Amino acid sequence: MFEEFIWKNKFDMAYLPVLQKKLCFEGECAGNEFLNYGVLLTLATIISTYGVIAGSTATVIGAMIIAPMMTPIMASTLAIVLGDTKRAG
């Protein structure tokens, strides 16, 4: 059953350009993406700082949910897997 799941759910290489566009901040929309990333990161920093000062674990966890840290991690992983040293840098 597990082997059948693996063979039927292979990665479609036709989806690769779409995946790269979603994860890598390049092209004409790069400025917008960096602005959105910066705003979310700033808000998460403010919220988490308040949570630390107030001693509220729930507030710090809420800030982690807002923080957009998964996109750079996934983009770096994709670049490493593809062997794209320029993007990985």
PDB file of N, CA and C in Angstrom:
ATOM      1  N   MET A   1       0.812  -1.181   0.000  1.00  0.00           N
ATOM      2  CA  MET A   1       0.000   0.000   0.000  1.00  0.00           C
ATOM      3  C   MET A   1       0.869   1.264   0.000  1.00  0.00           C
ATOM      4  N   PHE A   2       1.903   1.308   0.843  1.00  0.00           N
ATOM      5  CA  PHE A   2       2.783   2.468   0.894  1.00  0.00           C
ATOM      6  C   PHE A   2       3.547   2.625  -0.418  1.00  0.00           C
ATOM      7  N   GLU A   3       3.995   1.516  -0.977  1.00  0.00           N
ATOM      8  CA  GLU A   3       4.727   1.564  -2.247  1.00  0.00           C
ATOM      9  C   GLU A   3       3.831   2.103  -3.364  1.00  0.00           C
ATOM     10  N   GLU A   4       2.574   1.701  -3.364  1.00  0.00           N
ATOM     11  CA  GLU A   4       1.622   2.196  -4.365  1.00  0.00           C
ATOM     12  C   GLU A   4       1.415   3.706  -4.201  1.00  0.00           C
ATOM     13  N   PHE A   5       1.351   4.170  -2.968  1.00  0.00           N
ATOM     14  CA  PHE A   5       1.209   5.596  -2.703  1.00  0.00           C
ATOM     15  C   PHE A   5       2.400   6.376  -3.258  1.00  0.00           C
ATOM     16  N   ILE A   6       3.601   5.855  -3.055  1.00  0.00           N
ATOM     17  CA  ILE A   6       4.818   6.521  -3.537  1.00  0.00           C
ATOM     18  C   ILE A   6       4.834   6.582  -5.065  1.00  0.00           C
ATOM     19  N   TRP A   7       4.492   5.506  -5.718  1.00  0.00           N
ATOM     20  CA  TRP A   7       4.562   5.469  -7.182  1.00  0.00           C
ATOM     21  C   TRP A   7       3.488   6.333  -7.839  1.00  0.00           C
ATOM     22  N   LYS A   8       2.342   6.460  -7.228  1.00  0.00           N
ATOM     23  CA  LYS A   8       1.261   7.253  -7.825  1.00  0.00           C
ATOM     24  C   LYS A   8       1.417   8.744  -7.555  1.00  0.00           C
ATOM     25  N   ASN A   9       2.162   9.126  -6.538  1.00  0.00           N
ATOM     26  CA  ASN A   9       2.270  10.529  -6.139  1.00  0.00           C
ATOM     27  C   ASN A   9       3.652  11.093  -6.406  1.00  0.00           C
ATOM     28  N   LYS A  10       4.115  10.973  -7.626  1.00  0.00           N
ATOM     29  CA  LYS A  10       5.412  11.531  -7.998  1.00  0.00           C
ATOM     30  C   LYS A  10       5.279  13.025  -8.273  1.00  0.00           C
ATOM     31  N   PHE A  11       6.392  13.727  -8.156  1.00  0.00           N
ATOM     32  CA  PHE A  11       6.417  15.163  -8.436  1.00  0.00           C
ATOM     33  C   PHE A  11       6.342  15.379  -9.938  1.00  0.00           C
ATOM     34  N   ASP A  12       5.445  16.244 -10.370  1.00  0.00           N
ATOM     35  CA  ASP A  12       5.291  16.573 -11.777  1.00  0.00           C
ATOM     36  C   ASP A  12       6.244  17.724 -12.118  1.00  0.00           C
ATOM     37  N   MET A  13       7.207  17.458 -12.995  1.00  0.00           N
ATOM     38  CA  MET A  13       8.213  18.473 -13.337  1.00  0.00           C
ATOM     39  C   MET A  13       7.598  19.691 -14.031  1.00  0.00           C
ATOM     40  N   ALA A  14       6.405  19.554 -14.585  1.00  0.00           N
ATOM     41  CA  ALA A  14       5.742  20.700 -15.211  1.00  0.00           C
ATOM     42  C   ALA A  14       5.345  21.739 -14.159  1.00  0.00           C
ATOM     43  N   TYR A  15       5.238  21.327 -12.900  1.00  0.00           N
ATOM     44  CA  TYR A  15       4.869  22.228 -11.807  1.00  0.00           C
ATOM     45  C   TYR A  15       6.068  23.001 -11.261  1.00  0.00           C
ATOM     46  N   LEU A  16       7.277  22.631 -11.648  1.00  0.00           N
ATOM     47  CA  LEU A  16       8.491  23.250 -11.112  1.00  0.00           C
ATOM     48  C   LEU A  16       8.549  24.764 -11.328  1.00  0.00           C
ATOM     49  N   PRO A  17       8.265  25.300 -12.528  1.00  0.00           N
ATOM     50  CA  PRO A  17       8.302  26.768 -12.677  1.00  0.00           C
ATOM     51  C   PRO A  17       7.298  27.488 -11.767  1.00  0.00           C
ATOM     52  N   VAL A  18       6.134  26.898 -11.568  1.00  0.00           N
ATOM     53  CA  VAL A  18       5.131  27.501 -10.683  1.00  0.00           C
ATOM     54  C   VAL A  18       5.649  27.509  -9.250  1.00  0.00           C
ATOM     55  N   LEU A  19       6.249  26.414  -8.825  1.00  0.00           N
ATOM     56  CA  LEU A  19       6.803  26.302  -7.475  1.00  0.00           C
ATOM     57  C   LEU A  19       7.930  27.311  -7.263  1.00  0.00           C
ATOM     58  N   GLN A  20       8.811  27.447  -8.253  1.00  0.00           N
ATOM     59  CA  GLN A  20       9.911  28.409  -8.149  1.00  0.00           C
ATOM     60  C   GLN A  20       9.377  29.837  -8.081  1.00  0.00           C
ATOM     61  N   LYS A  21       8.335  30.135  -8.850  1.00  0.00           N
ATOM     62  CA  LYS A  21       7.779  31.489  -8.839  1.00  0.00           C
ATOM     63  C   LYS A  21       7.156  31.817  -7.483  1.00  0.00           C
ATOM     64  N   LYS A  22       6.520  30.817  -6.843  1.00  0.00           N
ATOM     65  CA  LYS A  22       5.883  31.048  -5.548  1.00  0.00           C
ATOM     66  C   LYS A  22       6.904  31.200  -4.425  1.00  0.00           C
ATOM     67  N   LEU A  23       8.031  30.517  -4.513  1.00  0.00           N
ATOM     68  CA  LEU A  23       8.991  30.501  -3.414  1.00  0.00           C
ATOM     69  C   LEU A  23      10.135  31.504  -3.565  1.00  0.00           C
ATOM     70  N   CYS A  24      10.521  31.824  -4.783  1.00  0.00           N
ATOM     71  CA  CYS A  24      11.690  32.679  -5.007  1.00  0.00           C
ATOM     72  C   CYS A  24      11.244  34.088  -5.388  1.00  0.00           C
ATOM     73  N   PHE A  25      11.775  35.080  -4.692  1.00  0.00           N
ATOM     74  CA  PHE A  25      11.400  36.466  -4.941  1.00  0.00           C
ATOM     75  C   PHE A  25      12.239  37.007  -6.092  1.00  0.00           C
ATOM     76  N   GLU A  26      11.747  36.833  -7.308  1.00  0.00           N
ATOM     77  CA  GLU A  26      12.453  37.296  -8.505  1.00  0.00           C
ATOM     78  C   GLU A  26      11.455  37.920  -9.477  1.00  0.00           C
ATOM     79  N   GLY A  27      11.967  38.647 -10.442  1.00  0.00           N
ATOM     80  CA  GLY A  27      11.115  39.190 -11.490  1.00  0.00           C
ATOM     81  C   GLY A  27      10.469  40.504 -11.089  1.00  0.00           C
ATOM     82  N   GLU A  28       9.383  40.819 -11.809  1.00  0.00           N
ATOM     83  CA  GLU A  28       8.738  42.118 -11.621  1.00  0.00           C
ATOM     84  C   GLU A  28       8.000  42.245 -10.290  1.00  0.00           C
ATOM     85  N   CYS A  29       7.649  41.151  -9.657  1.00  0.00           N
ATOM     86  CA  CYS A  29       6.913  41.200  -8.388  1.00  0.00           C
ATOM     87  C   CYS A  29       7.831  41.123  -7.165  1.00  0.00           C
ATOM     88  N   ALA A  30       9.135  41.117  -7.356  1.00  0.00           N
ATOM     89  CA  ALA A  30      10.065  40.933  -6.240  1.00  0.00           C
ATOM     90  C   ALA A  30       9.944  42.043  -5.197  1.00  0.00           C
ATOM     91  N   GLY A  31       9.765  43.278  -5.628  1.00  0.00           N
ATOM     92  CA  GLY A  31       9.646  44.391  -4.683  1.00  0.00           C
ATOM     93  C   GLY A  31       8.444  44.237  -3.772  1.00  0.00           C
ATOM     94  N   ASN A  32       7.315  43.851  -4.351  1.00  0.00           N
ATOM     95  CA  ASN A  32       6.094  43.619  -3.578  1.00  0.00           C
ATOM     96  C   ASN A  32       6.277  42.497  -2.578  1.00  0.00           C
ATOM     97  N   GLU A  33       6.911  41.421  -3.006  1.00  0.00           N
ATOM     98  CA  GLU A  33       7.113  40.262  -2.137  1.00  0.00           C
ATOM     99  C   GLU A  33       8.020  40.623  -0.954  1.00  0.00           C
ATOM    100  N   PHE A  34       9.081  41.372  -1.220  1.00  0.00           N
ATOM    101  CA  PHE A  34       9.981  41.788  -0.146  1.00  0.00           C
ATOM    102  C   PHE A  34       9.271  42.727   0.829  1.00  0.00           C
ATOM    103  N   LEU A  35       8.417  43.603   0.318  1.00  0.00           N
ATOM    104  CA  LEU A  35       7.667  44.507   1.176  1.00  0.00           C
ATOM    105  C   LEU A  35       6.711  43.717   2.073  1.00  0.00           C
ATOM    106  N   ASN A  36       5.969  42.786   1.496  1.00  0.00           N
ATOM    107  CA  ASN A  36       5.052  41.954   2.286  1.00  0.00           C
ATOM    108  C   ASN A  36       5.813  41.163   3.352  1.00  0.00           C
ATOM    109  N   TYR A  37       6.942  40.599   2.966  1.00  0.00           N
ATOM    110  CA  TYR A  37       7.768  39.822   3.901  1.00  0.00           C
ATOM    111  C   TYR A  37       8.253  40.699   5.051  1.00  0.00           C
ATOM    112  N   GLY A  38       8.722  41.890   4.718  1.00  0.00           N
ATOM    113  CA  GLY A  38       9.231  42.810   5.735  1.00  0.00           C
ATOM    114  C   GLY A  38       8.151  43.266   6.699  1.00  0.00           C
ATOM    115  N   VAL A  39       6.961  43.558   6.180  1.00  0.00           N
ATOM    116  CA  VAL A  39       5.858  43.995   7.037  1.00  0.00           C
ATOM    117  C   VAL A  39       5.446  42.869   7.984  1.00  0.00           C
ATOM    118  N   LEU A  40       5.288  41.657   7.462  1.00  0.00           N
ATOM    119  CA  LEU A  40       4.902  40.526   8.316  1.00  0.00           C
ATOM    120  C   LEU A  40       5.964  40.230   9.370  1.00  0.00           C
ATOM    121  N   LEU A  41       7.220  40.309   8.981  1.00  0.00           N
ATOM    122  CA  LEU A  41       8.297  40.047   9.930  1.00  0.00           C
ATOM    123  C   LEU A  41       8.337  41.115  11.026  1.00  0.00           C
ATOM    124  N   THR A  42       8.113  42.364  10.643  1.00  0.00           N
ATOM    125  CA  THR A  42       8.086  43.448  11.623  1.00  0.00           C
ATOM    126  C   THR A  42       6.924  43.279  12.605  1.00  0.00           C
ATOM    127  N   LEU A  43       5.747  42.960  12.088  1.00  0.00           N
ATOM    128  CA  LEU A  43       4.595  42.734  12.961  1.00  0.00           C
ATOM    129  C   LEU A  43       4.828  41.556  13.902  1.00  0.00           C
ATOM    130  N   ALA A  44       5.401  40.479  13.382  1.00  0.00           N
ATOM    131  CA  ALA A  44       5.682  39.320  14.229  1.00  0.00           C
ATOM    132  C   ALA A  44       6.689  39.671  15.315  1.00  0.00           C
ATOM    133  N   THR A  45       7.667  40.500  14.987  1.00  0.00           N
ATOM    134  CA  THR A  45       8.665  40.919  15.973  1.00  0.00           C
ATOM    135  C   THR A  45       8.034  41.761  17.079  1.00  0.00           C
ATOM    136  N   ILE A  46       7.167  42.689  16.687  1.00  0.00           N
ATOM    137  CA  ILE A  46       6.494  43.541  17.682  1.00  0.00           C
ATOM    138  C   ILE A  46       5.612  42.694  18.599  1.00  0.00           C
ATOM    139  N   ILE A  47       4.843  41.786  18.009  1.00  0.00           N
ATOM    140  CA  ILE A  47       3.942  40.949  18.809  1.00  0.00           C
ATOM    141  C   ILE A  47       4.720  40.028  19.743  1.00  0.00           C
ATOM    142  N   SER A  48       5.788  39.428  19.234  1.00  0.00           N
ATOM    143  CA  SER A  48       6.558  38.515  20.083  1.00  0.00           C
ATOM    144  C   SER A  48       7.290  39.268  21.194  1.00  0.00           C
ATOM    145  N   THR A  49       7.754  40.478  20.914  1.00  0.00           N
ATOM    146  CA  THR A  49       8.392  41.286  21.952  1.00  0.00           C
ATOM    147  C   THR A  49       7.397  41.607  23.063  1.00  0.00           C
ATOM    148  N   TYR A  50       6.193  41.985  22.681  1.00  0.00           N
ATOM    149  CA  TYR A  50       5.159  42.233  23.665  1.00  0.00           C
ATOM    150  C   TYR A  50       4.877  40.964  24.476  1.00  0.00           C
ATOM    151  N   GLY A  51       4.821  39.821  23.796  1.00  0.00           N
ATOM    152  CA  GLY A  51       4.556  38.561  24.484  1.00  0.00           C
ATOM    153  C   GLY A  51       5.636  38.205  25.479  1.00  0.00           C
ATOM    154  N   VAL A  52       6.890  38.463  25.134  1.00  0.00           N
ATOM    155  CA  VAL A  52       7.999  38.181  26.056  1.00  0.00           C
ATOM    156  C   VAL A  52       7.946  39.113  27.257  1.00  0.00           C
ATOM    157  N   ILE A  53       7.700  40.395  26.995  1.00  0.00           N
ATOM    158  CA  ILE A  53       7.633  41.372  28.090  1.00  0.00           C
ATOM    159  C   ILE A  53       6.464  41.056  29.025  1.00  0.00           C
ATOM    160  N   ALA A  54       5.313  40.674  28.447  1.00  0.00           N
ATOM    161  CA  ALA A  54       4.123  40.382  29.243  1.00  0.00           C
ATOM    162  C   ALA A  54       4.160  38.984  29.856  1.00  0.00           C
ATOM    163  N   GLY A  55       5.096  38.174  29.426  1.00  0.00           N
ATOM    164  CA  GLY A  55       5.189  36.813  29.947  1.00  0.00           C
ATOM    165  C   GLY A  55       4.087  35.907  29.416  1.00  0.00           C
ATOM    166  N   SER A  56       3.618  36.194  28.207  1.00  0.00           N
ATOM    167  CA  SER A  56       2.512  35.443  27.621  1.00  0.00           C
ATOM    168  C   SER A  56       3.026  34.481  26.549  1.00  0.00           C
ATOM    169  N   THR A  57       3.027  33.211  26.883  1.00  0.00           N
ATOM    170  CA  THR A  57       3.470  32.191  25.930  1.00  0.00           C
ATOM    171  C   THR A  57       2.557  32.143  24.714  1.00  0.00           C
ATOM    172  N   ALA A  58       1.259  32.289  24.926  1.00  0.00           N
ATOM    173  CA  ALA A  58       0.303  32.235  23.811  1.00  0.00           C
ATOM    174  C   ALA A  58       0.555  33.355  22.804  1.00  0.00           C
ATOM    175  N   THR A  59       0.931  34.533  23.283  1.00  0.00           N
ATOM    176  CA  THR A  59       1.208  35.655  22.385  1.00  0.00           C
ATOM    177  C   THR A  59       2.459  35.388  21.556  1.00  0.00           C
ATOM    178  N   VAL A  60       3.467  34.800  22.153  1.00  0.00           N
ATOM    179  CA  VAL A  60       4.695  34.469  21.412  1.00  0.00           C
ATOM    180  C   VAL A  60       4.391  33.417  20.350  1.00  0.00           C
ATOM    181  N   ILE A  61       3.585  32.436  20.689  1.00  0.00           N
ATOM    182  CA  ILE A  61       3.197  31.418  19.712  1.00  0.00           C
ATOM    183  C   ILE A  61       2.379  32.044  18.586  1.00  0.00           C
ATOM    184  N   GLY A  62       1.512  32.986  18.925  1.00  0.00           N
ATOM    185  CA  GLY A  62       0.750  33.698  17.903  1.00  0.00           C
ATOM    186  C   GLY A  62       1.661  34.466  16.958  1.00  0.00           C
ATOM    187  N   ALA A  63       2.721  35.053  17.487  1.00  0.00           N
ATOM    188  CA  ALA A  63       3.688  35.767  16.641  1.00  0.00           C
ATOM    189  C   ALA A  63       4.398  34.801  15.702  1.00  0.00           C
ATOM    190  N   MET A  64       4.651  33.584  16.167  1.00  0.00           N
ATOM    191  CA  MET A  64       5.284  32.580  15.308  1.00  0.00           C
ATOM    192  C   MET A  64       4.382  32.215  14.134  1.00  0.00           C
ATOM    193  N   ILE A  65       3.083  32.233  14.362  1.00  0.00           N
ATOM    194  CA  ILE A  65       2.145  31.925  13.284  1.00  0.00           C
ATOM    195  C   ILE A  65       2.154  33.029  12.239  1.00  0.00           C
ATOM    196  N   ILE A  66       2.291  34.265  12.658  1.00  0.00           N
ATOM    197  CA  ILE A  66       2.324  35.399  11.729  1.00  0.00           C
ATOM    198  C   ILE A  66       3.643  35.458  10.965  1.00  0.00           C
ATOM    199  N   ALA A  67       4.731  35.068  11.605  1.00  0.00           N
ATOM    200  CA  ALA A  67       6.063  35.186  10.999  1.00  0.00           C
ATOM    201  C   ALA A  67       6.151  34.390   9.696  1.00  0.00           C
ATOM    202  N   PRO A  68       6.632  35.014   8.637  1.00  0.00           N
ATOM    203  CA  PRO A  68       6.697  34.358   7.322  1.00  0.00           C
ATOM    204  C   PRO A  68       8.009  33.606   7.106  1.00  0.00           C
ATOM    205  N   MET A  69       8.442  32.831   8.068  1.00  0.00           N
ATOM    206  CA  MET A  69       9.762  32.210   7.982  1.00  0.00           C
ATOM    207  C   MET A  69       9.798  30.931   7.138  1.00  0.00           C
ATOM    208  N   MET A  70       8.658  30.325   6.876  1.00  0.00           N
ATOM    209  CA  MET A  70       8.673  29.079   6.109  1.00  0.00           C
ATOM    210  C   MET A  70       9.026  29.305   4.637  1.00  0.00           C
ATOM    211  N   THR A  71       8.653  30.450   4.074  1.00  0.00           N
ATOM    212  CA  THR A  71       8.946  30.696   2.660  1.00  0.00           C
ATOM    213  C   THR A  71      10.441  30.700   2.384  1.00  0.00           C
ATOM    214  N   PRO A  72      11.285  31.424   3.147  1.00  0.00           N
ATOM    215  CA  PRO A  72      12.722  31.368   2.877  1.00  0.00           C
ATOM    216  C   PRO A  72      13.311  29.984   3.127  1.00  0.00           C
ATOM    217  N   ILE A  73      12.790  29.277   4.124  1.00  0.00           N
ATOM    218  CA  ILE A  73      13.304  27.931   4.403  1.00  0.00           C
ATOM    219  C   ILE A  73      12.983  26.997   3.240  1.00  0.00           C
ATOM    220  N   MET A  74      11.749  27.046   2.735  1.00  0.00           N
ATOM    221  CA  MET A  74      11.364  26.183   1.611  1.00  0.00           C
ATOM    222  C   MET A  74      12.095  26.580   0.329  1.00  0.00           C
ATOM    223  N   ALA A  75      12.299  27.888   0.117  1.00  0.00           N
ATOM    224  CA  ALA A  75      13.015  28.339  -1.075  1.00  0.00           C
ATOM    225  C   ALA A  75      14.475  27.885  -1.031  1.00  0.00           C
ATOM    226  N   SER A  76      15.102  27.955   0.133  1.00  0.00           N
ATOM    227  CA  SER A  76      16.487  27.485   0.269  1.00  0.00           C
ATOM    228  C   SER A  76      16.579  25.985   0.035  1.00  0.00           C
ATOM    229  N   THR A  77      15.624  25.248   0.572  1.00  0.00           N
ATOM    230  CA  THR A  77      15.604  23.807   0.378  1.00  0.00           C
ATOM    231  C   THR A  77      15.433  23.458  -1.094  1.00  0.00           C
ATOM    232  N   LEU A  78      14.524  24.138  -1.786  1.00  0.00           N
ATOM    233  CA  LEU A  78      14.318  23.896  -3.217  1.00  0.00           C
ATOM    234  C   LEU A  78      15.588  24.188  -4.001  1.00  0.00           C
ATOM    235  N   ALA A  79      16.263  25.296  -3.684  1.00  0.00           N
ATOM    236  CA  ALA A  79      17.497  25.655  -4.388  1.00  0.00           C
ATOM    237  C   ALA A  79      18.586  24.616  -4.162  1.00  0.00           C
ATOM    238  N   ILE A  80      18.695  24.105  -2.936  1.00  0.00           N
ATOM    239  CA  ILE A  80      19.706  23.080  -2.640  1.00  0.00           C
ATOM    240  C   ILE A  80      19.394  21.787  -3.378  1.00  0.00           C
ATOM    241  N   VAL A  81      18.129  21.390  -3.371  1.00  0.00           N
ATOM    242  CA  VAL A  81      17.727  20.152  -4.049  1.00  0.00           C
ATOM    243  C   VAL A  81      17.981  20.253  -5.555  1.00  0.00           C
ATOM    244  N   LEU A  82      17.700  21.423  -6.127  1.00  0.00           N
ATOM    245  CA  LEU A  82      17.900  21.612  -7.574  1.00  0.00           C
ATOM    246  C   LEU A  82      19.363  21.880  -7.928  1.00  0.00           C
ATOM    247  N   GLY A  83      20.194  22.131  -6.924  1.00  0.00           N
ATOM    248  CA  GLY A  83      21.597  22.443  -7.182  1.00  0.00           C
ATOM    249  C   GLY A  83      21.799  23.848  -7.734  1.00  0.00           C
ATOM    250  N   ASP A  84      20.895  24.744  -7.465  1.00  0.00           N
ATOM    251  CA  ASP A  84      20.965  26.123  -7.936  1.00  0.00           C
ATOM    252  C   ASP A  84      21.734  26.954  -6.902  1.00  0.00           C
ATOM    253  N   THR A  85      23.039  27.055  -7.087  1.00  0.00           N
ATOM    254  CA  THR A  85      23.896  27.714  -6.100  1.00  0.00           C
ATOM    255  C   THR A  85      23.622  29.219  -6.003  1.00  0.00           C
ATOM    256  N   LYS A  86      23.208  29.843  -7.093  1.00  0.00           N
ATOM    257  CA  LYS A  86      22.920  31.273  -7.065  1.00  0.00           C
ATOM    258  C   LYS A  86      21.750  31.563  -6.128  1.00  0.00           C
ATOM    259  N   ARG A  87      20.661  30.799  -6.266  1.00  0.00           N
ATOM    260  CA  ARG A  87      19.502  30.984  -5.395  1.00  0.00           C
ATOM    261  C   ARG A  87      19.781  30.525  -3.975  1.00  0.00           C
ATOM    262  N   ALA A  88      20.539  29.471  -3.818  1.00  0.00           N
ATOM    263  CA  ALA A  88      20.845  28.956  -2.477  1.00  0.00           C
ATOM    264  C   ALA A  88      21.666  29.975  -1.687  1.00  0.00           C
ATOM    265  N   GLY A  89      22.506  30.728  -2.377  1.00  0.00           N
ATOM    266  CA  GLY A  89      23.322  31.767  -1.717  1.00  0.00           C
ATOM    267  C   GLY A  89      22.470  32.897  -1.243  1.00  0.00           C
TER     268      GLY A  89
END
